[in-house]
PDB file of N, CA and C in Angstrom:
ATOM      1  N   MET A   1     -83.143-115.544-150.178  1.00  0.00           N
ATOM      2  CA  MET A   1     -82.729-115.722-148.956  1.00  0.00           C
ATOM      3  C   MET A   1     -81.204-115.604-148.915  1.00  0.00           C
ATOM      4  N   ARG A   2     -80.563-116.032-150.049  1.00  0.00           N
ATOM      5  CA  ARG A   2     -79.042-115.854-150.075  1.00  0.00           C
ATOM      6  C   ARG A   2     -78.662-114.533-149.879  1.00  0.00           C
ATOM      7  N   ASP A   3     -79.220-113.500-150.502  1.00  0.00           N
ATOM      8  CA  ASP A   3     -78.838-112.126-150.480  1.00  0.00           C
ATOM      9  C   ASP A   3     -78.973-111.672-148.990  1.00  0.00           C
ATOM     10  N   TYR A   4     -80.246-112.018-148.357  1.00  0.00           N
ATOM     11  CA  TYR A   4     -80.459-111.558-147.050  1.00  0.00           C
ATOM     12  C   TYR A   4     -79.306-112.072-146.092  1.00  0.00           C
ATOM     13  N   VAL A   5     -78.964-113.313-146.145  1.00  0.00           N
ATOM     14  CA  VAL A   5     -77.881-113.877-145.244  1.00  0.00           C
ATOM     15  C   VAL A   5     -76.602-113.186-145.551  1.00  0.00           C
ATOM     16  N   LEU A   6     -76.210-113.024-146.838  1.00  0.00           N
ATOM     17  CA  LEU A   6     -74.861-112.536-147.166  1.00  0.00           C
ATOM     18  C   LEU A   6     -74.745-111.076-147.011  1.00  0.00           C
ATOM     19  N   HIS A   7     -75.865-110.344-146.752  1.00  0.00           N
ATOM     20  CA  HIS A   7     -75.790-108.855-146.549  1.00  0.00           C
ATOM     21  C   HIS A   7     -76.112-108.554-144.960  1.00  0.00           C
ATOM     22  N   ARG A   8     -76.058-109.695-144.131  1.00  0.00           N
ATOM     23  CA  ARG A   8     -76.216-109.361-142.643  1.00  0.00           C
ATOM     24  C   ARG A   8     -74.778-108.834-142.211  1.00  0.00           C
ATOM     25  N   PRO A   9     -74.880-108.105-141.195  1.00  0.00           N
ATOM     26  CA  PRO A   9     -73.724-107.444-140.437  1.00  0.00           C
ATOM     27  C   PRO A   9     -72.746-108.577-140.082  1.00  0.00           C
ATOM     28  N   GLY A  10     -71.455-108.470-140.488  1.00  0.00           N
ATOM     29  CA  GLY A  10     -70.532-109.499-140.231  1.00  0.00           C
ATOM     30  C   GLY A  10     -70.356-110.668-141.227  1.00  0.00           C
ATOM     31  N   ALA A  11     -71.301-110.762-142.241  1.00  0.00           N
ATOM     32  CA  ALA A  11     -71.254-111.838-143.093  1.00  0.00           C
ATOM     33  C   ALA A  11     -70.107-111.689-144.148  1.00  0.00           C
ATOM     34  N   ALA A  12     -69.739-110.609-144.515  1.00  0.00           N
ATOM     35  CA  ALA A  12     -68.730-110.386-145.457  1.00  0.00           C
ATOM     36  C   ALA A  12     -67.227-110.575-144.885  1.00  0.00           C
ATOM     37  N   GLU A  13     -67.176-110.107-143.603  1.00  0.00           N
ATOM     38  CA  GLU A  13     -65.987-110.369-142.854  1.00  0.00           C
ATOM     39  C   GLU A  13     -65.808-111.836-142.505  1.00  0.00           C
ATOM     40  N   PHE A  14     -66.858-112.471-142.257  1.00  0.00           N
ATOM     41  CA  PHE A  14     -66.822-113.979-141.960  1.00  0.00           C
ATOM     42  C   PHE A  14     -66.305-114.712-143.254  1.00  0.00           C
ATOM     43  N   LEU A  15     -67.008-114.479-144.305  1.00  0.00           N
ATOM     44  CA  LEU A  15     -66.556-115.077-145.556  1.00  0.00           C
ATOM     45  C   LEU A  15     -65.055-114.869-145.933  1.00  0.00           C
ATOM     46  N   GLU A  16     -64.700-113.627-145.731  1.00  0.00           N
ATOM     47  CA  GLU A  16     -63.248-113.209-146.093  1.00  0.00           C
ATOM     48  C   GLU A  16     -62.290-113.996-145.270  1.00  0.00           C
ATOM     49  N   SER A  17     -62.527-114.047-143.985  1.00  0.00           N
ATOM     50  CA  SER A  17     -61.580-114.631-142.936  1.00  0.00           C
ATOM     51  C   SER A  17     -61.538-116.100-143.221  1.00  0.00           C
ATOM     52  N   TYR A  18     -62.714-116.818-143.339  1.00  0.00           N
ATOM     53  CA  TYR A  18     -62.871-118.157-143.723  1.00  0.00           C
ATOM     54  C   TYR A  18     -62.226-118.553-144.926  1.00  0.00           C
ATOM     55  N   HIS A  19     -62.433-117.760-145.940  1.00  0.00           N
ATOM     56  CA  HIS A  19     -61.829-117.959-147.339  1.00  0.00           C
ATOM     57  C   HIS A  19     -60.416-117.996-147.212  1.00  0.00           C
ATOM     58  N   ARG A  20     -59.753-116.852-146.535  1.00  0.00           N
ATOM     59  CA  ARG A  20     -58.382-116.862-146.269  1.00  0.00           C
ATOM     60  C   ARG A  20     -57.712-118.100-145.571  1.00  0.00           C
ATOM     61  N   LEU A  21     -58.331-118.532-144.555  1.00  0.00           N
ATOM     62  CA  LEU A  21     -57.990-119.766-143.776  1.00  0.00           C
ATOM     63  C   LEU A  21     -57.912-120.925-144.669  1.00  0.00           C
ATOM     64  N   LEU A  22     -59.128-121.105-145.473  1.00  0.00           N
ATOM     65  CA  LEU A  22     -59.230-122.271-146.251  1.00  0.00           C
ATOM     66  C   LEU A  22     -58.138-122.153-147.430  1.00  0.00           C
ATOM     67  N   SER A  23     -57.912-121.047-147.919  1.00  0.00           N
ATOM     68  CA  SER A  23     -56.772-120.948-149.003  1.00  0.00           C
ATOM     69  C   SER A  23     -55.509-121.480-148.356  1.00  0.00           C
ATOM     70  N   LEU A  24     -55.159-121.069-147.143  1.00  0.00           N
ATOM     71  CA  LEU A  24     -53.812-121.531-146.657  1.00  0.00           C
ATOM     72  C   LEU A  24     -54.016-123.071-146.433  1.00  0.00           C
ATOM     73  N   VAL A  25     -55.189-123.646-145.928  1.00  0.00           N
ATOM     74  CA  VAL A  25     -55.115-125.089-145.747  1.00  0.00           C
ATOM     75  C   VAL A  25     -55.095-125.787-147.178  1.00  0.00           C
ATOM     76  N   VAL A  26     -55.660-125.327-148.245  1.00  0.00           N
ATOM     77  CA  VAL A  26     -55.664-125.858-149.535  1.00  0.00           C
ATOM     78  C   VAL A  26     -54.218-125.857-149.881  1.00  0.00           C
ATOM     79  N   ASP A  27     -53.461-124.860-149.750  1.00  0.00           N
ATOM     80  CA  ASP A  27     -52.075-124.898-150.027  1.00  0.00           C
ATOM     81  C   ASP A  27     -51.224-126.064-149.491  1.00  0.00           C
ATOM     82  N   GLY A  28     -51.491-126.176-148.138  1.00  0.00           N
ATOM     83  CA  GLY A  28     -50.789-127.063-147.414  1.00  0.00           C
ATOM     84  C   GLY A  28     -51.162-128.474-147.823  1.00  0.00           C
ATOM     85  N   TYR A  29     -52.404-128.682-148.156  1.00  0.00           N
ATOM     86  CA  TYR A  29     -52.930-130.003-148.647  1.00  0.00           C
ATOM     87  C   TYR A  29     -52.210-130.303-149.994  1.00  0.00           C
ATOM     88  N   ARG A  30     -52.101-129.342-150.848  1.00  0.00           N
ATOM     89  CA  ARG A  30     -51.482-129.567-152.057  1.00  0.00           C
ATOM     90  C   ARG A  30     -49.825-129.881-152.000  1.00  0.00           C
ATOM     91  N   ARG A  31     -49.310-129.233-151.055  1.00  0.00           N
ATOM     92  CA  ARG A  31     -47.869-129.600-150.842  1.00  0.00           C
ATOM     93  C   ARG A  31     -47.689-130.889-150.375  1.00  0.00           C
ATOM     94  N   GLU A  32     -48.627-131.415-149.646  1.00  0.00           N
ATOM     95  CA  GLU A  32     -48.603-132.798-148.859  1.00  0.00           C
ATOM     96  C   GLU A  32     -49.116-133.890-149.979  1.00  0.00           C
ATOM     97  N   GLY A  33     -49.485-133.418-151.176  1.00  0.00           N
ATOM     98  CA  GLY A  33     -50.116-134.427-152.108  1.00  0.00           C
ATOM     99  C   GLY A  33     -51.448-134.961-151.999  1.00  0.00           C
ATOM    100  N   LYS A  34     -52.094-134.259-150.909  1.00  0.00           N
ATOM    101  CA  LYS A  34     -53.494-134.697-150.720  1.00  0.00           C
ATOM    102  C   LYS A  34     -54.466-134.417-151.696  1.00  0.00           C
ATOM    103  N   ARG A  35     -55.477-135.182-152.176  1.00  0.00           N
ATOM    104  CA  ARG A  35     -56.189-134.959-153.212  1.00  0.00           C
ATOM    105  C   ARG A  35     -57.744-134.514-152.933  1.00  0.00           C
ATOM    106  N   TYR A  36     -58.092-134.720-151.713  1.00  0.00           N
ATOM    107  CA  TYR A  36     -59.479-134.206-151.292  1.00  0.00           C
ATOM    108  C   TYR A  36     -59.420-133.798-149.913  1.00  0.00           C
ATOM    109  N   MET A  37     -60.524-132.960-149.645  1.00  0.00           N
ATOM    110  CA  MET A  37     -60.830-132.270-148.285  1.00  0.00           C
ATOM    111  C   MET A  37     -62.280-132.257-148.098  1.00  0.00           C
ATOM    112  N   THR A  38     -62.671-132.445-146.843  1.00  0.00           N
ATOM    113  CA  THR A  38     -64.138-132.170-146.498  1.00  0.00           C
ATOM    114  C   THR A  38     -64.276-131.143-145.572  1.00  0.00           C
ATOM    115  N   ILE A  39     -65.122-130.120-146.083  1.00  0.00           N
ATOM    116  CA  ILE A  39     -65.540-128.931-145.193  1.00  0.00           C
ATOM    117  C   ILE A  39     -66.877-128.975-144.833  1.00  0.00           C
ATOM    118  N   ALA A  40     -67.229-128.863-143.531  1.00  0.00           N
ATOM    119  CA  ALA A  40     -68.668-128.800-143.148  1.00  0.00           C
ATOM    120  C   ALA A  40     -68.998-127.480-142.456  1.00  0.00           C
ATOM    121  N   ILE A  41     -70.148-127.033-142.830  1.00  0.00           N
ATOM    122  CA  ILE A  41     -70.537-125.720-142.412  1.00  0.00           C
ATOM    123  C   ILE A  41     -72.010-125.920-141.798  1.00  0.00           C
ATOM    124  N   GLY A  42     -72.229-125.612-140.740  1.00  0.00           N
ATOM    125  CA  GLY A  42     -73.540-125.796-140.081  1.00  0.00           C
ATOM    126  C   GLY A  42     -74.140-124.582-139.555  1.00  0.00           C
ATOM    127  N   CYS A  43     -75.511-124.664-139.239  1.00  0.00           N
ATOM    128  CA  CYS A  43     -76.276-123.680-138.469  1.00  0.00           C
ATOM    129  C   CYS A  43     -77.432-124.387-137.848  1.00  0.00           C
ATOM    130  N   THR A  44     -78.221-123.591-137.117  1.00  0.00           N
ATOM    131  CA  THR A  44     -79.317-124.266-136.359  1.00  0.00           C
ATOM    132  C   THR A  44     -80.262-125.040-137.233  1.00  0.00           C
ATOM    133  N   GLY A  45     -80.682-124.537-138.354  1.00  0.00           N
ATOM    134  CA  GLY A  45     -81.676-125.338-139.163  1.00  0.00           C
ATOM    135  C   GLY A  45     -81.017-125.964-140.388  1.00  0.00           C
ATOM    136  N   GLY A  46     -79.914-125.489-140.919  1.00  0.00           N
ATOM    137  CA  GLY A  46     -79.274-126.044-142.065  1.00  0.00           C
ATOM    138  C   GLY A  46     -79.881-125.859-143.417  1.00  0.00           C
ATOM    139  N   LYS A  47     -80.728-124.811-143.410  1.00  0.00           N
ATOM    140  CA  LYS A  47     -81.536-124.593-144.795  1.00  0.00           C
ATOM    141  C   LYS A  47     -81.266-123.159-145.274  1.00  0.00           C
ATOM    142  N   HIS A  48     -80.738-122.337-144.562  1.00  0.00           N
ATOM    143  CA  HIS A  48     -80.532-120.856-145.016  1.00  0.00           C
ATOM    144  C   HIS A  48     -79.213-120.373-144.844  1.00  0.00           C
ATOM    145  N   ARG A  49     -78.804-120.113-143.660  1.00  0.00           N
ATOM    146  CA  ARG A  49     -77.524-119.520-143.364  1.00  0.00           C
ATOM    147  C   ARG A  49     -76.206-120.471-143.970  1.00  0.00           C
ATOM    148  N   SER A  50     -76.187-121.698-143.471  1.00  0.00           N
ATOM    149  CA  SER A  50     -75.234-122.527-143.757  1.00  0.00           C
ATOM    150  C   SER A  50     -75.141-122.738-145.244  1.00  0.00           C
ATOM    151  N   VAL A  51     -76.388-122.861-145.951  1.00  0.00           N
ATOM    152  CA  VAL A  51     -76.355-123.137-147.463  1.00  0.00           C
ATOM    153  C   VAL A  51     -75.761-121.833-148.084  1.00  0.00           C
ATOM    154  N   ALA A  52     -76.194-120.708-147.651  1.00  0.00           N
ATOM    155  CA  ALA A  52     -75.609-119.484-148.448  1.00  0.00           C
ATOM    156  C   ALA A  52     -74.225-119.299-148.161  1.00  0.00           C
ATOM    157  N   ILE A  53     -73.675-119.569-147.004  1.00  0.00           N
ATOM    158  CA  ILE A  53     -72.281-119.459-146.763  1.00  0.00           C
ATOM    159  C   ILE A  53     -71.381-120.423-147.535  1.00  0.00           C
ATOM    160  N   ALA A  54     -71.904-121.784-147.534  1.00  0.00           N
ATOM    161  CA  ALA A  54     -71.283-122.734-148.207  1.00  0.00           C
ATOM    162  C   ALA A  54     -71.260-122.431-149.817  1.00  0.00           C
ATOM    163  N   GLU A  55     -72.363-122.020-150.389  1.00  0.00           N
ATOM    164  CA  GLU A  55     -72.328-121.888-151.641  1.00  0.00           C
ATOM    165  C   GLU A  55     -71.291-120.621-152.110  1.00  0.00           C
ATOM    166  N   ALA A  56     -71.350-119.621-151.155  1.00  0.00           N
ATOM    167  CA  ALA A  56     -70.478-118.374-151.483  1.00  0.00           C
ATOM    168  C   ALA A  56     -68.907-119.015-151.349  1.00  0.00           C
ATOM    169  N   LEU A  57     -68.655-119.837-150.372  1.00  0.00           N
ATOM    170  CA  LEU A  57     -67.406-120.197-150.188  1.00  0.00           C
ATOM    171  C   LEU A  57     -66.976-121.120-151.333  1.00  0.00           C
ATOM    172  N   MET A  58     -67.881-121.895-151.897  1.00  0.00           N
ATOM    173  CA  MET A  58     -67.590-122.715-152.955  1.00  0.00           C
ATOM    174  C   MET A  58     -67.288-121.945-154.138  1.00  0.00           C
ATOM    175  N   GLY A  59     -67.946-120.960-154.444  1.00  0.00           N
ATOM    176  CA  GLY A  59     -67.658-120.012-155.481  1.00  0.00           C
ATOM    177  C   GLY A  59     -66.277-119.291-155.454  1.00  0.00           C
ATOM    178  N   LEU A  60     -65.997-118.945-154.161  1.00  0.00           N
ATOM    179  CA  LEU A  60     -64.585-118.313-154.103  1.00  0.00           C
ATOM    180  C   LEU A  60     -63.508-119.333-154.244  1.00  0.00           C
ATOM    181  N   LEU A  61     -63.710-120.481-153.712  1.00  0.00           N
ATOM    182  CA  LEU A  61     -62.544-121.505-153.760  1.00  0.00           C
ATOM    183  C   LEU A  61     -62.428-121.997-155.314  1.00  0.00           C
ATOM    184  N   ARG A  62     -63.549-122.138-156.082  1.00  0.00           N
ATOM    185  CA  ARG A  62     -63.552-122.505-157.346  1.00  0.00           C
ATOM    186  C   ARG A  62     -62.723-121.438-158.226  1.00  0.00           C
ATOM    187  N   SER A  63     -63.076-120.303-157.941  1.00  0.00           N
ATOM    188  CA  SER A  63     -62.406-119.150-158.677  1.00  0.00           C
ATOM    189  C   SER A  63     -60.959-118.800-158.510  1.00  0.00           C
ATOM    190  N   ASP A  64     -60.629-118.911-157.274  1.00  0.00           N
ATOM    191  CA  ASP A  64     -59.188-118.399-157.080  1.00  0.00           C
ATOM    192  C   ASP A  64     -58.255-119.677-156.914  1.00  0.00           C
ATOM    193  N   GLN A  65     -58.779-120.721-156.431  1.00  0.00           N
ATOM    194  CA  GLN A  65     -57.923-121.870-156.164  1.00  0.00           C
ATOM    195  C   GLN A  65     -57.996-123.006-157.320  1.00  0.00           C
ATOM    196  N   GLN A  66     -58.890-122.807-158.282  1.00  0.00           N
ATOM    197  CA  GLN A  66     -59.036-123.624-159.554  1.00  0.00           C
ATOM    198  C   GLN A  66     -59.351-125.063-158.977  1.00  0.00           C
ATOM    199  N   LEU A  67     -60.123-125.126-158.124  1.00  0.00           N
ATOM    200  CA  LEU A  67     -60.465-126.514-157.467  1.00  0.00           C
ATOM    201  C   LEU A  67     -61.826-126.975-158.128  1.00  0.00           C
ATOM    202  N   SER A  68     -62.078-128.239-158.017  1.00  0.00           N
ATOM    203  CA  SER A  68     -63.271-128.972-158.202  1.00  0.00           C
ATOM    204  C   SER A  68     -63.876-129.110-156.927  1.00  0.00           C
ATOM    205  N   VAL A  69     -65.032-128.401-156.755  1.00  0.00           N
ATOM    206  CA  VAL A  69     -65.868-128.280-155.544  1.00  0.00           C
ATOM    207  C   VAL A  69     -67.162-128.798-155.690  1.00  0.00           C
ATOM    208  N   ARG A  70     -67.652-129.633-154.736  1.00  0.00           N
ATOM    209  CA  ARG A  70     -68.948-130.137-154.739  1.00  0.00           C
ATOM    210  C   ARG A  70     -69.601-129.818-153.375  1.00  0.00           C
ATOM    211  N   ALA A  71     -70.798-129.540-153.475  1.00  0.00           N
ATOM    212  CA  ALA A  71     -71.595-129.141-152.267  1.00  0.00           C
ATOM    213  C   ALA A  71     -72.737-130.328-151.953  1.00  0.00           C
ATOM    214  N   LEU A  72     -72.862-130.632-150.745  1.00  0.00           N
ATOM    215  CA  LEU A  72     -74.111-131.570-150.311  1.00  0.00           C
ATOM    216  C   LEU A  72     -74.633-130.805-149.227  1.00  0.00           C
ATOM    217  N   HIS A  73     -75.935-130.534-149.297  1.00  0.00           N
ATOM    218  CA  HIS A  73     -76.621-129.698-148.420  1.00  0.00           C
ATOM    219  C   HIS A  73     -77.479-130.788-147.593  1.00  0.00           C
ATOM    220  N   ARG A  74     -76.983-131.335-146.600  1.00  0.00           N
ATOM    221  CA  ARG A  74     -77.516-132.462-145.905  1.00  0.00           C
ATOM    222  C   ARG A  74     -78.992-132.369-145.543  1.00  0.00           C
ATOM    223  N   ASP A  75     -79.327-131.057-144.917  1.00  0.00           N
ATOM    224  CA  ASP A  75     -80.783-130.833-144.445  1.00  0.00           C
ATOM    225  C   ASP A  75     -81.672-130.239-145.371  1.00  0.00           C
ATOM    226  N   LEU A  76     -81.229-129.854-146.528  1.00  0.00           N
ATOM    227  CA  LEU A  76     -82.380-129.395-147.572  1.00  0.00           C
ATOM    228  C   LEU A  76     -83.237-130.449-147.817  1.00  0.00           C
ATOM    229  N   GLY A  77     -84.585-130.085-147.868  1.00  0.00           N
ATOM    230  CA  GLY A  77     -85.534-131.130-148.160  1.00  0.00           C
ATOM    231  C   GLY A  77     -86.062-131.849-146.901  1.00  0.00           C
ATOM    232  N   ARG A  78     -85.370-131.734-145.753  1.00  0.00           N
ATOM    233  CA  ARG A  78     -85.971-132.429-144.555  1.00  0.00           C
ATOM    234  C   ARG A  78     -86.810-131.397-143.868  1.00  0.00           C
ATOM    235  N   GLU A  79     -87.841-132.131-143.187  1.00  0.00           N
ATOM    236  CA  GLU A  79     -88.915-131.244-142.514  1.00  0.00           C
ATOM    237  C   GLU A  79     -88.615-131.386-141.026  1.00  0.00           C
TER     238      GLU A  79
END
């Protein structure tokens, strides 16, 4: 499912734009001495699109920002 979501038209552009924005925000948080941030990503069902996007962003932020990143997928396991 991850590959399906991430290869849809517009997905790469969305990830790139969101990643750029979050990188700016992280830099600002660091300058202000803030130690944590909460980012929420949602979609209609919360089991496919939002999970794939959140996991991809988490990987990007971990690699280039050297952050400790944790994901909580609220709706996984709910019926």
